[in-house]
Amino acid sequence: MSSATKHLALLFFSLASFCLAQQTPRKEPCTPAPILVSVVDLHGRPQDSLDTSNFEVKVDRKIVELQSATYKVQPSRMVVVLDTSGSMSGSPSRHEKWEITRAAVQEALSVPAPAVPIALIAFSNGVYKTFPFNQSRSTMLSWLDGIDPKQRSGLHGKTALRDAIAAANRLLDPHQEGDAIYAITDGGENESTTTNKELESQLLRNHVRLYTFLLRERISVDLEEGQTFVDMVTNTGGALFGETASDSYWWENQPQYSFDEKIKNRIAGQAAMLVARTAAFYRIDLLHPEAPKEGSNLSVDVVGRNGKKRADLLVAYPKKFFACSSSPTSP
């Protein structure tokens, strides 16, 4: 068993133990909101041995003192947001793009149910299917298996991505510490009424991290809309996963994806890293007489003993600070 596999096995064991001891959520007092920070190495393995001396936190470019940096492993709720618009089918006769998408959903739903509570939302022109947290995984998978990309009724319509993520955020209300949304999409957007600014503000105020499995097509990677979506993922403290279409291989005017055993294994590995990032994080509490103003710019670095930023670690955190408004409960 590899070291990475052992680490993830220990993580799942910790999550299962937490579930047995889970108590009724309670409201936290109105104090400066904690900052949730994910720290992994370059192989995606969570780092659990850091303390306040390892973190340098700045609010509006000014270093702030820390009260505590607590490493937590807990079952964070996750809403999977599935794009079933017409562009997700790929070319009319080849459907590797959808096979990758289906595999990404299946792997997310394969996470042990007690460890990560999962809900599912499907959308195209708008949200048309919702499986709440109390719905069984088998019901979700049966519905997923019924989608046929060859049929017009299977994958069709425009893409209301922002509206669907906003609906996922509402499904998480009342919010809990560690909540996450996982959007599986090609990043297109042509139907939402919710603006980028409105959505990002909602997620930051509710302390919800946005992750994505992105089907990337290099011809559109520089489009402003796609980049804005990726920025929203990083700005909320989430992370980017996914697959990229081939540059050179086109069929029926569509960029082509590969789907084989190697890709399946890679998708499974990304799902494991997703769980590691959502369920294991540092809760950083500021030592501050008053909460910083709403919307203050936030930066978090992990530093070594020499005070220099460590280049061997990946750090994810919200890029804006919001204090007491819509504070999540703590499981």
Protein backbone atom coordinates (compact mmCIF):
# COMPACT_ATOMS: atom_id res chain seq x y z
CA MET A 1 0.00 0.00 0.00
CA SER A 2 1.43 3.38 -1.02
CA SER A 3 2.00 6.15 1.53
CA ALA A 4 -0.68 8.26 -0.17
CA THR A 5 -3.19 5.40 0.07
CA LYS A 6 -2.33 4.86 3.75
CA HIS A 7 -2.81 8.57 4.45
CA LEU A 8 -6.23 8.61 2.80
CA ALA A 9 -7.21 5.41 4.66
CA LEU A 10 -6.35 7.09 7.97
CA LEU A 11 -8.37 10.14 6.89
CA PHE A 12 -11.46 8.03 6.20
CA PHE A 13 -11.03 6.29 9.57
CA SER A 14 -10.89 9.67 11.32
CA LEU A 15 -14.02 10.80 9.47
CA ALA A 16 -15.91 7.67 10.50
CA SER A 17 -14.86 8.19 14.13
CA PHE A 18 -16.05 11.80 14.01
CA CYS A 19 -19.46 10.72 12.71
CA LEU A 20 -20.00 8.51 15.77
CA ALA A 21 -19.33 11.45 18.07
CA GLN A 22 -21.23 14.05 16.05
CA GLN A 23 -23.59 16.22 18.08
CA THR A 24 -26.40 18.64 17.29
CA PRO A 25 -25.04 21.82 15.57
CA ARG A 26 -24.86 24.94 17.70
CA LYS A 27 -24.53 28.59 16.79
CA GLU A 28 -21.17 30.25 17.34
CA PRO A 29 -20.93 33.65 19.00
CA CYS A 30 -20.52 36.72 16.84
CA THR A 31 -16.74 36.96 16.81
CA PRO A 32 -14.28 37.34 13.92
CA ALA A 33 -15.09 34.42 11.65
CA PRO A 34 -12.57 31.57 11.50
CA ILE A 35 -10.63 31.05 8.28
CA LEU A 36 -10.69 27.56 6.78
CA VAL A 37 -7.37 26.72 5.15
CA SER A 38 -6.52 23.57 3.20
CA VAL A 39 -2.83 22.63 3.10
CA VAL A 40 -1.58 19.72 0.98
CA ASP A 41 1.78 18.76 -0.46
CA LEU A 42 2.47 18.59 -4.19
CA HIS A 43 1.06 15.03 -4.24
CA GLY A 44 -2.23 16.12 -2.69
CA ARG A 45 -1.54 14.70 0.79
CA PRO A 46 -2.97 16.76 3.68
CA GLN A 47 -0.46 18.29 6.10
CA ASP A 48 -1.54 17.90 9.72
CA SER A 49 1.46 19.05 11.79
CA LEU A 50 1.37 22.84 11.40
CA ASP A 51 0.69 25.39 14.14
CA THR A 52 0.25 29.16 14.41
CA SER A 53 3.98 29.76 13.89
CA ASN A 54 3.69 28.22 10.41
CA PHE A 55 0.95 30.55 9.17
CA GLU A 56 1.32 34.16 8.05
CA VAL A 57 -2.09 35.79 7.67
CA LYS A 58 -2.61 39.25 6.23
CA VAL A 59 -5.80 41.30 6.13
CA ASP A 60 -5.58 44.14 3.63
CA ARG A 61 -1.79 43.47 3.47
CA LYS A 62 -1.32 43.87 7.23
CA ILE A 63 -0.10 40.90 9.26
CA VAL A 64 -2.60 39.91 11.95
CA GLU A 65 -2.02 37.89 15.10
CA LEU A 66 -3.47 34.41 15.37
CA GLN A 67 -5.22 32.96 18.35
CA SER A 68 -5.11 29.35 17.14
CA ALA A 69 -4.61 27.10 14.13
CA THR A 70 -6.52 23.88 14.73
CA TYR A 71 -6.29 20.93 12.37
CA LYS A 72 -9.72 19.35 11.91
CA VAL A 73 -10.94 16.20 10.20
CA GLN A 74 -14.70 16.24 10.00
CA PRO A 75 -17.47 15.18 7.58
CA SER A 76 -18.02 18.29 5.48
CA ARG A 77 -21.28 18.38 3.53
CA MET A 78 -20.95 18.58 -0.23
CA VAL A 79 -23.45 19.39 -2.98
CA VAL A 80 -22.51 17.95 -6.38
CA VAL A 81 -23.70 20.27 -9.16
CA LEU A 82 -23.93 18.37 -12.45
CA ASP A 83 -24.01 20.11 -15.83
CA THR A 84 -26.28 18.23 -18.27
CA SER A 85 -26.47 20.93 -20.94
CA GLY A 86 -26.04 20.10 -24.62
CA SER A 87 -22.31 20.82 -24.69
CA MET A 88 -21.61 18.01 -22.20
CA SER A 89 -22.41 15.26 -24.71
CA GLY A 90 -19.40 15.96 -26.92
CA SER A 91 -19.66 15.17 -30.62
CA PRO A 92 -22.83 13.49 -31.97
CA SER A 93 -21.18 10.09 -32.44
CA ARG A 94 -18.47 10.08 -29.74
CA HIS A 95 -19.36 10.61 -26.10
CA GLU A 96 -16.10 10.31 -24.15
CA LYS A 97 -16.78 13.73 -22.66
CA TRP A 98 -19.94 12.45 -20.99
CA GLU A 99 -18.25 9.19 -19.96
CA ILE A 100 -15.63 11.24 -18.11
CA THR A 101 -18.39 13.33 -16.53
CA ARG A 102 -20.32 10.25 -15.46
CA ALA A 103 -17.18 8.73 -13.94
CA ALA A 104 -16.48 11.94 -12.00
CA VAL A 105 -19.98 11.84 -10.48
CA GLN A 106 -19.73 8.13 -9.71
CA GLU A 107 -16.41 8.58 -7.93
CA ALA A 108 -17.75 11.48 -5.88
CA LEU A 109 -20.76 9.39 -4.86
CA SER A 110 -18.55 6.41 -4.00
CA VAL A 111 -17.16 8.21 -0.93
CA PRO A 112 -18.48 6.42 2.18
CA ALA A 113 -21.84 7.99 3.06
CA PRO A 114 -21.21 8.57 6.78
CA ALA A 115 -17.89 10.28 6.01
CA VAL A 116 -19.17 12.87 3.54
CA PRO A 117 -22.89 13.77 3.35
CA ILE A 118 -23.67 14.42 -0.33
CA ALA A 119 -26.57 16.01 -2.19
CA LEU A 120 -26.89 16.25 -5.99
CA ILE A 121 -28.29 18.96 -8.27
CA ALA A 122 -28.63 18.59 -12.04
CA PHE A 123 -29.13 21.53 -14.38
CA SER A 124 -29.11 22.80 -17.96
CA ASN A 125 -31.38 25.81 -18.68
CA GLY A 126 -32.05 25.72 -14.94
CA VAL A 127 -32.09 23.28 -12.04
CA TYR A 128 -34.50 20.45 -12.86
CA LYS A 129 -33.42 17.66 -10.50
CA THR A 130 -32.50 17.79 -6.81
CA PHE A 131 -31.45 14.89 -4.60
CA PRO A 132 -31.25 16.18 -0.98
CA PHE A 133 -28.81 14.92 1.63
CA ASN A 134 -31.22 12.27 2.89
CA GLN A 135 -31.53 10.69 -0.56
CA SER A 136 -29.70 7.38 -1.04
CA ARG A 137 -26.59 7.20 -3.23
CA SER A 138 -28.10 4.24 -5.11
CA THR A 139 -31.06 6.41 -6.17
CA MET A 140 -28.69 9.10 -7.46
CA LEU A 141 -26.61 6.54 -9.37
CA SER A 142 -29.67 4.89 -10.92
CA TRP A 143 -30.84 8.27 -12.20
CA LEU A 144 -27.35 9.01 -13.55
CA ASP A 145 -27.23 5.69 -15.41
CA GLY A 146 -30.49 6.60 -17.09
CA ILE A 147 -28.98 9.59 -18.92
CA ASP A 148 -28.25 8.64 -22.53
CA PRO A 149 -26.08 11.17 -24.41
CA LYS A 150 -27.31 9.68 -27.70
CA GLN A 151 -30.88 10.74 -26.93
CA ARG A 152 -31.98 14.34 -27.43
CA SER A 153 -33.70 14.27 -24.04
CA GLY A 154 -30.52 13.14 -22.31
CA LEU A 155 -28.17 16.13 -22.58
CA HIS A 156 -29.61 19.31 -23.99
CA GLY A 157 -30.26 22.99 -23.40
CA LYS A 158 -28.21 25.99 -22.38
CA THR A 159 -26.01 26.36 -19.28
CA ALA A 160 -27.22 28.19 -16.17
CA LEU A 161 -24.11 27.34 -14.15
CA ARG A 162 -24.17 30.27 -11.72
CA ASP A 163 -27.88 29.83 -10.97
CA ALA A 164 -27.27 26.13 -10.22
CA ILE A 165 -24.41 26.90 -7.83
CA ALA A 166 -26.61 29.50 -6.12
CA ALA A 167 -29.30 26.80 -5.71
CA ALA A 168 -26.70 24.47 -4.19
CA ASN A 169 -25.76 27.20 -1.73
CA ARG A 170 -29.41 27.53 -0.68
CA LEU A 171 -29.60 23.75 -0.23
CA LEU A 172 -26.81 24.04 2.38
CA ASP A 173 -28.83 26.54 4.47
CA PRO A 174 -28.45 26.59 7.46
CA HIS A 175 -24.77 26.51 6.68
CA GLN A 176 -22.24 24.44 8.59
CA GLU A 177 -18.50 24.84 8.96
CA GLY A 178 -16.71 23.10 6.08
CA ASP A 179 -19.60 23.16 3.56
CA ALA A 180 -18.53 22.66 -0.06
CA ILE A 181 -19.98 22.67 -3.57
CA TYR A 182 -18.50 20.47 -6.33
CA ALA A 183 -19.44 21.63 -9.84
CA ILE A 184 -18.87 19.10 -12.64
CA THR A 185 -19.02 21.13 -15.86
CA ASP A 186 -17.18 22.42 -18.90
CA GLY A 187 -17.43 25.92 -17.44
CA GLY A 188 -19.75 27.34 -20.07
CA GLU A 189 -22.31 29.95 -19.00
CA ASN A 190 -25.06 31.41 -21.15
CA GLU A 191 -28.33 31.37 -19.21
CA SER A 192 -27.97 32.47 -15.56
CA THR A 193 -29.58 35.54 -14.01
CA THR A 194 -27.18 35.42 -11.03
CA THR A 195 -24.04 37.49 -11.71
CA ASN A 196 -20.49 36.40 -10.92
CA LYS A 197 -20.16 39.12 -8.30
CA GLU A 198 -23.42 38.16 -6.58
CA LEU A 199 -22.57 34.47 -6.50
CA GLU A 200 -19.02 34.88 -5.23
CA SER A 201 -20.25 37.22 -2.50
CA GLN A 202 -22.91 34.70 -1.43
CA LEU A 203 -20.38 31.87 -1.17
CA LEU A 204 -17.86 33.98 0.74
CA ARG A 205 -20.46 35.29 3.20
CA ASN A 206 -21.70 31.75 3.86
CA HIS A 207 -18.13 30.39 4.07
CA VAL A 208 -18.84 27.83 1.33
CA ARG A 209 -15.90 26.53 -0.70
CA LEU A 210 -16.43 25.95 -4.43
CA TYR A 211 -14.60 23.05 -6.09
CA THR A 212 -14.88 21.95 -9.69
CA PHE A 213 -14.19 19.03 -11.98
CA LEU A 214 -13.69 21.02 -15.17
CA LEU A 215 -13.86 19.58 -18.68
CA ARG A 216 -11.34 21.96 -20.23
CA GLU A 217 -11.13 22.71 -23.94
CA ARG A 218 -8.07 24.75 -24.78
CA ILE A 219 -9.84 26.65 -27.53
CA SER A 220 -11.98 28.33 -24.85
CA VAL A 221 -9.60 28.40 -21.87
CA ASP A 222 -8.83 32.08 -22.41
CA LEU A 223 -12.43 33.19 -22.64
CA GLU A 224 -13.28 35.70 -19.93
CA GLU A 225 -16.30 33.74 -18.69
CA GLY A 226 -14.35 30.53 -18.16
CA GLN A 227 -11.52 32.32 -16.37
CA THR A 228 -13.99 34.13 -14.12
CA PHE A 229 -15.40 30.76 -13.03
CA VAL A 230 -11.92 29.41 -12.24
CA ASP A 231 -11.17 32.60 -10.28
CA MET A 232 -14.34 32.07 -8.24
CA VAL A 233 -13.17 28.56 -7.34
CA THR A 234 -9.82 29.80 -6.01
CA ASN A 235 -11.31 32.92 -4.39
CA THR A 236 -13.65 30.84 -2.23
CA GLY A 237 -10.88 28.49 -1.06
CA GLY A 238 -11.72 25.62 -3.40
CA ALA A 239 -9.60 23.72 -5.90
CA LEU A 240 -9.62 22.75 -9.57
CA PHE A 241 -9.75 19.16 -10.82
CA GLY A 242 -10.69 17.74 -14.22
CA GLU A 243 -9.57 16.63 -17.67
CA THR A 244 -8.43 18.53 -20.77
CA ALA A 245 -9.47 17.83 -24.36
CA SER A 246 -6.88 17.09 -27.02
CA ASP A 247 -5.53 20.08 -28.94
CA SER A 248 -4.89 18.17 -32.12
CA TYR A 249 -7.76 15.69 -32.38
CA TRP A 250 -11.12 17.05 -33.49
CA TRP A 251 -14.17 15.11 -34.70
CA GLU A 252 -17.40 16.59 -36.04
CA ASN A 253 -16.22 20.10 -35.08
CA GLN A 254 -15.81 19.09 -31.43
CA PRO A 255 -12.61 18.76 -29.37
CA GLN A 256 -12.12 15.14 -28.32
CA TYR A 257 -11.44 13.57 -24.94
CA SER A 258 -9.81 10.25 -24.16
CA PHE A 259 -11.49 7.81 -21.77
CA ASP A 260 -9.67 4.64 -20.76
CA GLU A 261 -8.50 2.81 -17.65
CA LYS A 262 -5.74 5.33 -17.05
CA ILE A 263 -8.25 8.19 -17.11
CA LYS A 264 -10.60 6.27 -14.80
CA ASN A 265 -7.81 5.80 -12.27
CA ARG A 266 -6.89 9.47 -12.50
CA ILE A 267 -10.50 10.51 -11.86
CA ALA A 268 -10.62 8.19 -8.83
CA GLY A 269 -7.42 9.76 -7.50
CA GLN A 270 -8.86 13.24 -7.94
CA ALA A 271 -12.00 12.24 -6.03
CA ALA A 272 -9.82 11.05 -3.14
CA MET A 273 -7.96 14.37 -3.15
CA LEU A 274 -11.28 16.23 -3.22
CA VAL A 275 -12.36 14.47 -0.02
CA ALA A 276 -8.98 15.13 1.57
CA ARG A 277 -9.28 18.85 0.84
CA THR A 278 -12.89 19.29 1.88
CA ALA A 279 -12.85 17.17 5.04
CA ALA A 280 -9.38 17.98 6.43
CA PHE A 281 -8.45 21.61 7.01
CA TYR A 282 -7.07 24.12 9.48
CA ARG A 283 -9.44 26.37 11.32
CA ILE A 284 -7.56 29.61 11.95
CA ASP A 285 -8.96 31.98 14.56
CA LEU A 286 -7.69 35.56 14.65
CA LEU A 287 -6.55 37.29 17.81
CA HIS A 288 -8.30 40.57 17.11
CA PRO A 289 -10.33 42.93 19.32
CA GLU A 290 -12.75 43.57 16.47
CA ALA A 291 -13.53 41.74 13.27
CA PRO A 292 -11.95 43.23 10.13
CA LYS A 293 -14.35 45.07 7.88
CA GLU A 294 -16.53 43.10 5.52
CA GLY A 295 -14.84 42.18 2.25
CA SER A 296 -11.27 42.83 3.42
CA ASN A 297 -8.60 41.22 1.24
CA LEU A 298 -7.13 38.11 2.82
CA SER A 299 -3.88 36.25 2.22
CA VAL A 300 -2.55 33.14 3.95
CA ASP A 301 0.94 31.68 3.52
CA VAL A 302 2.64 28.70 5.14
CA VAL A 303 6.16 29.65 6.19
CA GLY A 304 9.16 27.68 7.38
CA ARG A 305 11.37 28.31 10.38
CA ASN A 306 13.23 30.94 8.37
CA GLY A 307 9.99 32.87 7.84
CA LYS A 308 10.00 32.26 4.10
CA LYS A 309 7.02 30.96 2.17
CA ARG A 310 7.17 27.20 1.59
CA ALA A 311 7.09 26.28 -2.09
CA ASP A 312 6.46 22.58 -1.42
CA LEU A 313 2.91 23.08 -0.20
CA LEU A 314 -0.37 24.12 -1.82
CA VAL A 315 -2.56 26.41 0.28
CA ALA A 316 -6.25 27.13 -0.43
CA TYR A 317 -8.30 29.71 1.48
CA PRO A 318 -10.99 32.36 0.85
CA LYS A 319 -9.51 35.53 -0.63
CA LYS A 320 -11.99 37.84 1.11
CA PHE A 321 -12.75 38.14 4.82
CA PHE A 322 -16.34 38.16 6.05
CA ALA A 323 -16.98 38.32 9.78
CA CYS A 324 -20.23 37.50 11.55
CA SER A 325 -22.85 37.71 8.81
CA SER A 326 -24.33 34.31 7.97
CA SER A 327 -21.78 32.55 10.16
CA PRO A 328 -22.00 28.76 9.73
CA THR A 329 -22.72 26.42 12.60
CA SER A 330 -20.04 24.08 13.85
CA PRO A 331 -20.87 20.35 13.70
